[in-house]
Amino acid sequence: MKTNKSAIIQRLTADPTNINITSWQEVGTISGMFLPLSAEMNQLAQAQGIMGKAYNLYTAVGADIQETDRAIIDGEIYEVKGIKKYEGSKGVDHLEVLIEQRKT
């Protein structure tokens, strides 16, 4: 099921007065197409160490998101596991972001 979603992006940031203290800071919000991985792609993800539910988030090139970030979508936390950039692909430039639902 394809769904347009907004994702709050958080980045782990060191305290400026003590680098040993870190916290998740909101760096912005992005929007995109959110969909679960197919069964085949989910097996490939598990072979690479992703054990939770995995999804793809398709968003615009230039979105402020990094592989160490996390995304909050509908109140659920997802860890960013990988980002692939597609440019010049029939005029549909985008980022494909692999995210894993965080176990609580």
N, C-alpha and C. Protein backbone atom coordinates (compact mmCIF):
# COMPACT_ATOMS: atom_id res chain seq x y z
N MET A 1 0.83 -1.18 0.00
CA MET A 1 0.00 0.00 0.00
C MET A 1 0.89 1.25 0.00
N LYS A 2 0.78 2.05 -1.06
CA LYS A 2 1.53 3.29 -1.17
C LYS A 2 0.80 4.39 -0.43
N THR A 3 1.54 5.18 0.32
CA THR A 3 0.93 6.26 1.08
C THR A 3 1.85 7.46 1.11
N ASN A 4 1.29 8.64 0.85
CA ASN A 4 2.06 9.87 1.02
C ASN A 4 2.10 10.19 2.51
N LYS A 5 3.31 10.43 3.00
CA LYS A 5 3.49 10.69 4.44
C LYS A 5 4.48 11.83 4.64
N SER A 6 4.36 12.46 5.80
CA SER A 6 5.37 13.41 6.27
C SER A 6 6.21 12.70 7.32
N ALA A 7 7.50 12.97 7.30
CA ALA A 7 8.42 12.36 8.27
C ALA A 7 9.21 13.45 8.96
N ILE A 8 9.20 13.42 10.29
CA ILE A 8 10.04 14.32 11.07
C ILE A 8 11.42 13.66 11.13
N ILE A 9 12.44 14.37 10.72
CA ILE A 9 13.80 13.82 10.70
C ILE A 9 14.54 14.28 11.94
N GLN A 10 15.13 13.32 12.64
CA GLN A 10 15.93 13.60 13.83
C GLN A 10 17.36 13.12 13.60
N ARG A 11 18.30 13.88 14.15
CA ARG A 11 19.72 13.57 14.01
C ARG A 11 20.36 13.55 15.39
N LEU A 12 21.21 12.56 15.63
CA LEU A 12 21.92 12.46 16.91
C LEU A 12 22.98 13.56 16.95
N THR A 13 22.91 14.40 17.98
CA THR A 13 23.76 15.58 18.07
C THR A 13 24.47 15.61 19.41
N ALA A 14 25.75 15.96 19.38
CA ALA A 14 26.53 16.07 20.61
C ALA A 14 26.22 17.39 21.30
N ASP A 15 26.21 17.36 22.63
CA ASP A 15 26.03 18.57 23.44
C ASP A 15 27.26 19.46 23.21
N PRO A 16 27.08 20.74 22.91
CA PRO A 16 28.22 21.61 22.64
C PRO A 16 29.16 21.79 23.84
N THR A 17 28.66 21.55 25.05
CA THR A 17 29.51 21.72 26.23
C THR A 17 30.14 20.42 26.70
N ASN A 18 29.61 19.28 26.22
CA ASN A 18 30.16 17.98 26.62
C ASN A 18 29.88 16.98 25.49
N ILE A 19 30.90 16.66 24.70
CA ILE A 19 30.70 15.81 23.53
C ILE A 19 30.31 14.38 23.89
N ASN A 20 30.43 14.01 25.17
CA ASN A 20 30.04 12.68 25.60
C ASN A 20 28.52 12.55 25.80
N ILE A 21 27.82 13.67 25.73
CA ILE A 21 26.37 13.67 25.88
C ILE A 21 25.74 13.94 24.52
N THR A 22 24.89 13.02 24.08
CA THR A 22 24.22 13.19 22.80
C THR A 22 22.71 13.09 22.98
N SER A 23 22.00 13.69 22.05
CA SER A 23 20.54 13.60 22.08
C SER A 23 20.02 13.74 20.65
N TRP A 24 18.81 13.24 20.43
CA TRP A 24 18.18 13.35 19.11
C TRP A 24 17.57 14.73 18.98
N GLN A 25 17.95 15.44 17.91
CA GLN A 25 17.43 16.78 17.65
C GLN A 25 16.68 16.78 16.33
N GLU A 26 15.53 17.43 16.31
CA GLU A 26 14.76 17.55 15.08
C GLU A 26 15.48 18.48 14.11
N VAL A 27 15.67 18.02 12.86
CA VAL A 27 16.35 18.85 11.86
C VAL A 27 15.43 19.28 10.73
N GLY A 28 14.22 18.75 10.72
CA GLY A 28 13.28 19.16 9.69
C GLY A 28 12.23 18.11 9.42
N THR A 29 11.39 18.41 8.45
CA THR A 29 10.33 17.50 8.03
C THR A 29 10.42 17.33 6.52
N ILE A 30 10.29 16.08 6.07
CA ILE A 30 10.25 15.80 4.64
C ILE A 30 8.96 15.06 4.33
N SER A 31 8.58 15.06 3.09
CA SER A 31 7.40 14.29 2.70
C SER A 31 7.78 13.36 1.55
N GLY A 32 7.03 12.29 1.42
CA GLY A 32 7.33 11.36 0.35
C GLY A 32 6.38 10.18 0.35
N MET A 33 6.66 9.26 -0.55
CA MET A 33 5.88 8.03 -0.69
C MET A 33 6.47 6.98 0.24
N PHE A 34 5.63 6.38 1.07
CA PHE A 34 6.03 5.43 2.10
C PHE A 34 5.42 4.08 1.76
N LEU A 35 6.25 3.05 1.56
CA LEU A 35 5.71 1.73 1.28
C LEU A 35 6.56 0.62 1.86
N PRO A 36 5.90 -0.48 2.25
CA PRO A 36 6.64 -1.62 2.79
C PRO A 36 7.44 -2.30 1.69
N LEU A 37 8.51 -2.98 2.07
CA LEU A 37 9.30 -3.73 1.10
C LEU A 37 8.51 -4.96 0.66
N SER A 38 8.78 -5.38 -0.57
CA SER A 38 8.19 -6.63 -1.05
C SER A 38 8.80 -7.77 -0.26
N ALA A 39 8.20 -8.94 -0.31
CA ALA A 39 8.73 -10.11 0.41
C ALA A 39 10.16 -10.41 -0.02
N GLU A 40 10.42 -10.32 -1.33
CA GLU A 40 11.78 -10.58 -1.85
C GLU A 40 12.78 -9.56 -1.32
N MET A 41 12.42 -8.29 -1.37
CA MET A 41 13.33 -7.24 -0.88
C MET A 41 13.50 -7.34 0.63
N ASN A 42 12.47 -7.74 1.34
CA ASN A 42 12.57 -7.91 2.79
C ASN A 42 13.58 -9.01 3.14
N GLN A 43 13.59 -10.10 2.36
CA GLN A 43 14.57 -11.17 2.57
C GLN A 43 15.98 -10.66 2.34
N LEU A 44 16.18 -9.84 1.30
CA LEU A 44 17.50 -9.26 1.04
C LEU A 44 17.92 -8.34 2.19
N ALA A 45 16.98 -7.56 2.69
CA ALA A 45 17.27 -6.66 3.81
C ALA A 45 17.67 -7.46 5.05
N GLN A 46 16.96 -8.55 5.31
CA GLN A 46 17.30 -9.40 6.47
C GLN A 46 18.68 -10.02 6.31
N ALA A 47 19.05 -10.37 5.10
CA ALA A 47 20.39 -10.93 4.84
C ALA A 47 21.47 -9.90 5.14
N GLN A 48 21.11 -8.62 5.10
CA GLN A 48 22.07 -7.55 5.39
C GLN A 48 21.96 -7.06 6.83
N GLY A 49 21.22 -7.80 7.66
CA GLY A 49 21.17 -7.47 9.08
C GLY A 49 19.98 -6.65 9.53
N ILE A 50 19.04 -6.35 8.66
CA ILE A 50 17.86 -5.61 9.05
C ILE A 50 16.81 -6.61 9.49
N MET A 51 16.51 -6.63 10.77
CA MET A 51 15.63 -7.66 11.32
C MET A 51 14.21 -7.20 11.58
N GLY A 52 14.01 -5.89 11.66
CA GLY A 52 12.66 -5.39 11.90
C GLY A 52 11.90 -5.21 10.60
N LYS A 53 10.72 -4.62 10.68
CA LYS A 53 9.94 -4.32 9.48
C LYS A 53 10.65 -3.22 8.70
N ALA A 54 10.86 -3.46 7.41
CA ALA A 54 11.59 -2.50 6.58
C ALA A 54 10.64 -1.86 5.56
N TYR A 55 10.91 -0.62 5.26
CA TYR A 55 10.10 0.17 4.34
C TYR A 55 11.00 1.01 3.47
N ASN A 56 10.47 1.48 2.35
CA ASN A 56 11.13 2.49 1.54
C ASN A 56 10.36 3.79 1.68
N LEU A 57 11.10 4.88 1.76
CA LEU A 57 10.54 6.21 1.74
C LEU A 57 11.16 6.91 0.54
N TYR A 58 10.34 7.28 -0.43
CA TYR A 58 10.81 7.97 -1.62
C TYR A 58 10.56 9.45 -1.43
N THR A 59 11.62 10.24 -1.57
CA THR A 59 11.50 11.67 -1.32
C THR A 59 12.36 12.44 -2.32
N ALA A 60 12.31 13.75 -2.27
CA ALA A 60 13.01 14.59 -3.23
C ALA A 60 14.52 14.59 -3.02
N VAL A 61 15.24 14.64 -4.14
CA VAL A 61 16.69 14.84 -4.07
C VAL A 61 16.94 16.16 -3.36
N GLY A 62 17.89 16.19 -2.48
CA GLY A 62 18.18 17.41 -1.71
C GLY A 62 17.51 17.44 -0.36
N ALA A 63 16.67 16.45 -0.06
CA ALA A 63 16.05 16.39 1.26
C ALA A 63 17.14 16.21 2.31
N ASP A 64 16.99 16.87 3.45
CA ASP A 64 18.00 16.81 4.52
C ASP A 64 17.79 15.53 5.33
N ILE A 65 18.39 14.44 4.85
CA ILE A 65 18.30 13.15 5.53
C ILE A 65 19.62 12.41 5.32
N GLN A 66 20.11 11.77 6.39
CA GLN A 66 21.38 11.06 6.36
C GLN A 66 21.20 9.64 6.88
N GLU A 67 22.15 8.76 6.55
CA GLU A 67 22.05 7.36 6.94
C GLU A 67 22.04 7.13 8.45
N THR A 68 22.47 8.07 9.23
CA THR A 68 22.47 7.90 10.69
C THR A 68 21.26 8.54 11.36
N ASP A 69 20.36 9.09 10.57
CA ASP A 69 19.17 9.78 11.10
C ASP A 69 18.10 8.77 11.48
N ARG A 70 17.04 9.30 12.06
CA ARG A 70 15.83 8.52 12.25
C ARG A 70 14.65 9.37 11.80
N ALA A 71 13.58 8.68 11.42
CA ALA A 71 12.39 9.36 10.92
C ALA A 71 11.21 8.98 11.82
N ILE A 72 10.40 9.97 12.14
CA ILE A 72 9.19 9.74 12.92
C ILE A 72 8.01 9.89 11.94
N ILE A 73 7.29 8.77 11.73
CA ILE A 73 6.16 8.76 10.80
C ILE A 73 4.95 8.24 11.56
N ASP A 74 3.92 9.04 11.63
CA ASP A 74 2.70 8.67 12.36
C ASP A 74 3.00 8.21 13.78
N GLY A 75 3.96 8.87 14.43
CA GLY A 75 4.30 8.55 15.82
C GLY A 75 5.22 7.36 16.00
N GLU A 76 5.55 6.65 14.92
CA GLU A 76 6.45 5.49 14.98
C GLU A 76 7.86 5.93 14.62
N ILE A 77 8.86 5.31 15.24
CA ILE A 77 10.26 5.64 14.99
C ILE A 77 10.84 4.63 14.01
N TYR A 78 11.52 5.16 12.99
CA TYR A 78 12.19 4.35 11.98
C TYR A 78 13.65 4.79 11.89
N GLU A 79 14.56 3.83 11.83
CA GLU A 79 15.98 4.13 11.68
C GLU A 79 16.35 4.10 10.20
N VAL A 80 17.08 5.11 9.75
CA VAL A 80 17.52 5.17 8.36
C VAL A 80 18.69 4.21 8.19
N LYS A 81 18.55 3.27 7.26
CA LYS A 81 19.57 2.24 7.03
C LYS A 81 20.35 2.45 5.76
N GLY A 82 19.80 3.17 4.81
CA GLY A 82 20.50 3.41 3.55
C GLY A 82 19.76 4.42 2.70
N ILE A 83 20.51 5.09 1.84
CA ILE A 83 19.93 6.09 0.94
C ILE A 83 20.55 5.91 -0.44
N LYS A 84 19.71 5.84 -1.44
CA LYS A 84 20.18 5.73 -2.82
C LYS A 84 19.59 6.89 -3.61
N LYS A 85 20.44 7.58 -4.36
CA LYS A 85 20.02 8.76 -5.11
C LYS A 85 19.81 8.37 -6.58
N TYR A 86 18.67 8.77 -7.13
CA TYR A 86 18.36 8.55 -8.54
C TYR A 86 18.20 9.91 -9.21
N GLU A 87 19.05 10.16 -10.21
CA GLU A 87 18.96 11.41 -10.96
C GLU A 87 18.97 11.09 -12.45
N GLY A 88 18.23 11.85 -13.22
CA GLY A 88 18.18 11.66 -14.65
C GLY A 88 17.40 10.43 -15.08
N SER A 89 16.60 9.90 -14.17
CA SER A 89 15.81 8.71 -14.45
C SER A 89 14.44 9.11 -14.99
N LYS A 90 14.38 9.35 -16.28
CA LYS A 90 13.13 9.75 -16.94
C LYS A 90 12.50 10.97 -16.28
N GLY A 91 13.34 11.89 -15.83
CA GLY A 91 12.85 13.13 -15.24
C GLY A 91 12.27 13.01 -13.86
N VAL A 92 12.47 11.86 -13.20
CA VAL A 92 11.92 11.66 -11.85
C VAL A 92 13.09 11.51 -10.87
N ASP A 93 13.75 12.60 -10.57
CA ASP A 93 14.85 12.56 -9.61
C ASP A 93 14.28 12.35 -8.22
N HIS A 94 14.91 11.45 -7.44
CA HIS A 94 14.42 11.18 -6.09
C HIS A 94 15.47 10.45 -5.26
N LEU A 95 15.21 10.38 -3.96
CA LEU A 95 15.99 9.57 -3.04
C LEU A 95 15.14 8.37 -2.64
N GLU A 96 15.76 7.21 -2.59
CA GLU A 96 15.11 6.01 -2.07
C GLU A 96 15.75 5.74 -0.72
N VAL A 97 14.99 5.89 0.34
CA VAL A 97 15.50 5.78 1.71
C VAL A 97 14.99 4.47 2.31
N LEU A 98 15.91 3.60 2.70
CA LEU A 98 15.55 2.35 3.36
C LEU A 98 15.47 2.63 4.86
N ILE A 99 14.31 2.36 5.45
CA ILE A 99 14.13 2.60 6.88
C ILE A 99 13.62 1.32 7.55
N GLU A 100 14.00 1.17 8.81
CA GLU A 100 13.59 0.01 9.59
C GLU A 100 12.81 0.50 10.80
N GLN A 101 11.65 -0.10 11.01
CA GLN A 101 10.85 0.28 12.18
C GLN A 101 11.57 -0.14 13.44
N ARG A 102 11.74 0.80 14.34
CA ARG A 102 12.46 0.55 15.58
C ARG A 102 11.61 -0.29 16.53
N LYS A 103 12.24 -1.27 17.10
CA LYS A 103 11.54 -2.11 18.07
C LYS A 103 11.44 -1.36 19.38
N THR A 104 10.26 -1.39 19.99
CA THR A 104 10.09 -0.67 21.27
C THR A 104 10.03 -1.65 22.42
